[in-house]
Amino acid sequence: MSVTLRSQVLRLYSRIFRVARNWEAQDPNETKVERNYIVDEARTLFQENKDLRVEDEIRMRVMEAEARLAMAEHYRNPYPRPVNLPKTSYSKPEGKKVGKAIQKMNALSRPVYIRSTDDAVKQDADS
């Protein structure tokens, strides 16, 4: 990993913890829960991705983290936002397989900020 990419990752990690430390939930009773969620989620995802060596993959993960952080700050909600898929992505007749075109459309319509969520679902399915 290049020095600049490494410093970018470390700055992002610090920024996430700074946001968590100063986080104020919309419901004051939930502030501590949401702060803990931010810290736990950051630690978990950074730990899972510590062995990445492909710079493009690292940049993609940084982009996801920045998008999630921006959305959390904007909407004052630290949890991943739900995804709205196109209506045609679920239009498959009973008992038939989903076509490659629909699979591709689903993949292209998934926003970057939920990539880690997709990876967690895949790992759960594999176990």
Protein backbone atom coordinates (compact mmCIF):
# COMPACT_ATOMS: atom_id res chain seq x y z
CA MET A 1 0.00 0.00 0.00
CA SER A 2 1.36 3.40 -0.93
CA VAL A 3 2.26 5.87 1.80
CA THR A 4 -0.42 8.34 0.71
CA LEU A 5 -3.14 5.67 0.69
CA ARG A 6 -2.03 4.46 4.12
CA SER A 7 -2.17 7.99 5.53
CA GLN A 8 -5.61 8.48 3.96
CA VAL A 9 -6.88 5.30 5.68
CA LEU A 10 -5.41 6.37 9.03
CA ARG A 11 -6.93 9.87 8.75
CA LEU A 12 -10.31 8.32 7.94
CA TYR A 13 -10.03 5.96 10.93
CA SER A 14 -9.25 8.90 13.22
CA ARG A 15 -12.07 10.97 11.75
CA ILE A 16 -14.59 8.18 12.37
CA PHE A 17 -13.58 7.97 16.02
CA ARG A 18 -13.71 11.75 16.37
CA VAL A 19 -17.25 11.73 14.97
CA ALA A 20 -18.20 8.92 17.37
CA ARG A 21 -16.77 10.80 20.34
CA ASN A 22 -18.82 13.91 19.50
CA TRP A 23 -21.95 12.08 18.27
CA GLU A 24 -25.29 13.33 19.57
CA ALA A 25 -28.30 11.20 18.68
CA GLN A 26 -31.67 12.72 17.82
CA ASP A 27 -33.04 10.85 20.84
CA PRO A 28 -30.72 11.72 23.76
CA ASN A 29 -31.36 8.29 25.30
CA GLU A 30 -29.80 6.66 22.21
CA THR A 31 -26.58 8.71 22.11
CA LYS A 32 -24.45 6.13 23.89
CA VAL A 33 -25.89 3.25 21.84
CA GLU A 34 -25.19 5.05 18.56
CA ARG A 35 -21.68 6.08 19.65
CA ASN A 36 -20.91 2.46 20.52
CA TYR A 37 -22.34 1.32 17.18
CA ILE A 38 -20.08 3.72 15.26
CA VAL A 39 -16.98 2.58 17.15
CA ASP A 40 -17.82 -1.13 16.93
CA GLU A 41 -18.69 -0.94 13.23
CA ALA A 42 -15.47 0.94 12.43
CA ARG A 43 -13.31 -1.49 14.40
CA THR A 44 -15.00 -4.51 12.86
CA LEU A 45 -14.74 -3.30 9.26
CA PHE A 46 -11.19 -2.01 9.56
CA GLN A 47 -10.16 -5.30 11.21
CA GLU A 48 -11.82 -7.35 8.44
CA ASN A 49 -10.06 -5.31 5.78
CA LYS A 50 -6.60 -5.05 7.35
CA ASP A 51 -5.15 -7.69 5.04
CA LEU A 52 -6.25 -6.03 1.79
CA ARG A 53 -3.30 -5.41 -0.52
CA VAL A 54 -4.96 -4.43 -3.82
CA GLU A 55 -4.99 -0.63 -3.89
CA ASP A 56 -8.18 -0.39 -5.95
CA GLU A 57 -10.01 -2.53 -3.40
CA ILE A 58 -8.64 -0.38 -0.56
CA ARG A 59 -9.78 2.78 -2.36
CA MET A 60 -13.25 1.25 -2.80
CA ARG A 61 -13.46 0.54 0.94
CA VAL A 62 -12.28 4.07 1.75
CA MET A 63 -14.93 5.46 -0.59
CA GLU A 64 -17.58 3.33 1.15
CA ALA A 65 -16.49 4.52 4.59
CA GLU A 66 -16.49 8.16 3.51
CA ALA A 67 -19.96 7.78 1.97
CA ARG A 68 -21.35 6.12 5.11
CA LEU A 69 -19.79 8.80 7.30
CA ALA A 70 -21.17 11.62 5.15
CA MET A 71 -24.65 10.08 5.19
CA ALA A 72 -24.52 9.52 8.95
CA GLU A 73 -23.55 13.14 9.54
CA HIS A 74 -26.13 14.47 7.10
CA TYR A 75 -29.09 12.36 8.24
CA ARG A 76 -27.97 12.15 11.90
CA ASN A 77 -28.35 8.37 11.68
CA PRO A 78 -25.24 6.15 11.95
CA TYR A 79 -26.91 3.00 10.63
CA PRO A 80 -26.67 1.98 6.95
CA ARG A 81 -29.55 3.36 4.91
CA PRO A 82 -31.98 0.98 3.21
CA VAL A 83 -31.55 0.43 -0.48
CA ASN A 84 -34.29 0.85 -3.06
CA LEU A 85 -33.84 -1.54 -5.95
CA PRO A 86 -35.56 -1.05 -9.29
CA LYS A 87 -39.01 -2.70 -9.48
CA THR A 88 -38.00 -4.88 -12.41
CA SER A 89 -35.22 -6.49 -10.37
CA TYR A 90 -37.74 -8.69 -8.59
CA SER A 91 -39.94 -9.56 -11.55
CA LYS A 92 -39.14 -13.23 -11.95
CA PRO A 93 -41.73 -15.91 -12.51
CA GLU A 94 -42.15 -18.48 -9.74
CA GLY A 95 -39.69 -21.34 -9.95
CA LYS A 96 -37.46 -19.72 -12.56
CA LYS A 97 -33.94 -18.40 -12.17
CA VAL A 98 -33.11 -14.71 -12.23
CA GLY A 99 -31.54 -13.77 -15.55
CA LYS A 100 -28.05 -12.33 -15.92
CA ALA A 101 -29.45 -8.96 -17.02
CA ILE A 102 -31.46 -8.64 -13.81
CA GLN A 103 -28.50 -9.76 -11.71
CA LYS A 104 -26.33 -7.15 -13.41
CA MET A 105 -28.97 -4.45 -12.89
CA ASN A 106 -29.16 -5.39 -9.18
CA ALA A 107 -25.38 -5.20 -8.84
CA LEU A 108 -25.19 -1.83 -10.60
CA SER A 109 -28.00 -0.35 -8.53
CA ARG A 110 -26.38 -1.22 -5.16
CA PRO A 111 -24.82 1.90 -3.68
CA VAL A 112 -21.20 1.87 -2.53
CA TYR A 113 -22.08 2.61 1.08
CA ILE A 114 -23.53 -0.87 1.68
CA ARG A 115 -20.74 -2.95 0.18
CA SER A 116 -19.56 -4.14 3.60
CA THR A 117 -23.14 -5.14 4.39
CA ASP A 118 -23.23 -7.23 1.21
CA ASP A 119 -19.94 -8.89 2.20
CA ALA A 120 -21.34 -9.77 5.64
CA VAL A 121 -24.41 -11.36 4.04
CA LYS A 122 -22.20 -13.42 1.72
CA GLN A 123 -20.08 -14.62 4.66
CA ASP A 124 -23.20 -15.62 6.61
CA ALA A 125 -24.49 -17.57 3.60
CA ASP A 126 -21.14 -19.37 3.21
CA SER A 127 -21.07 -20.51 6.86
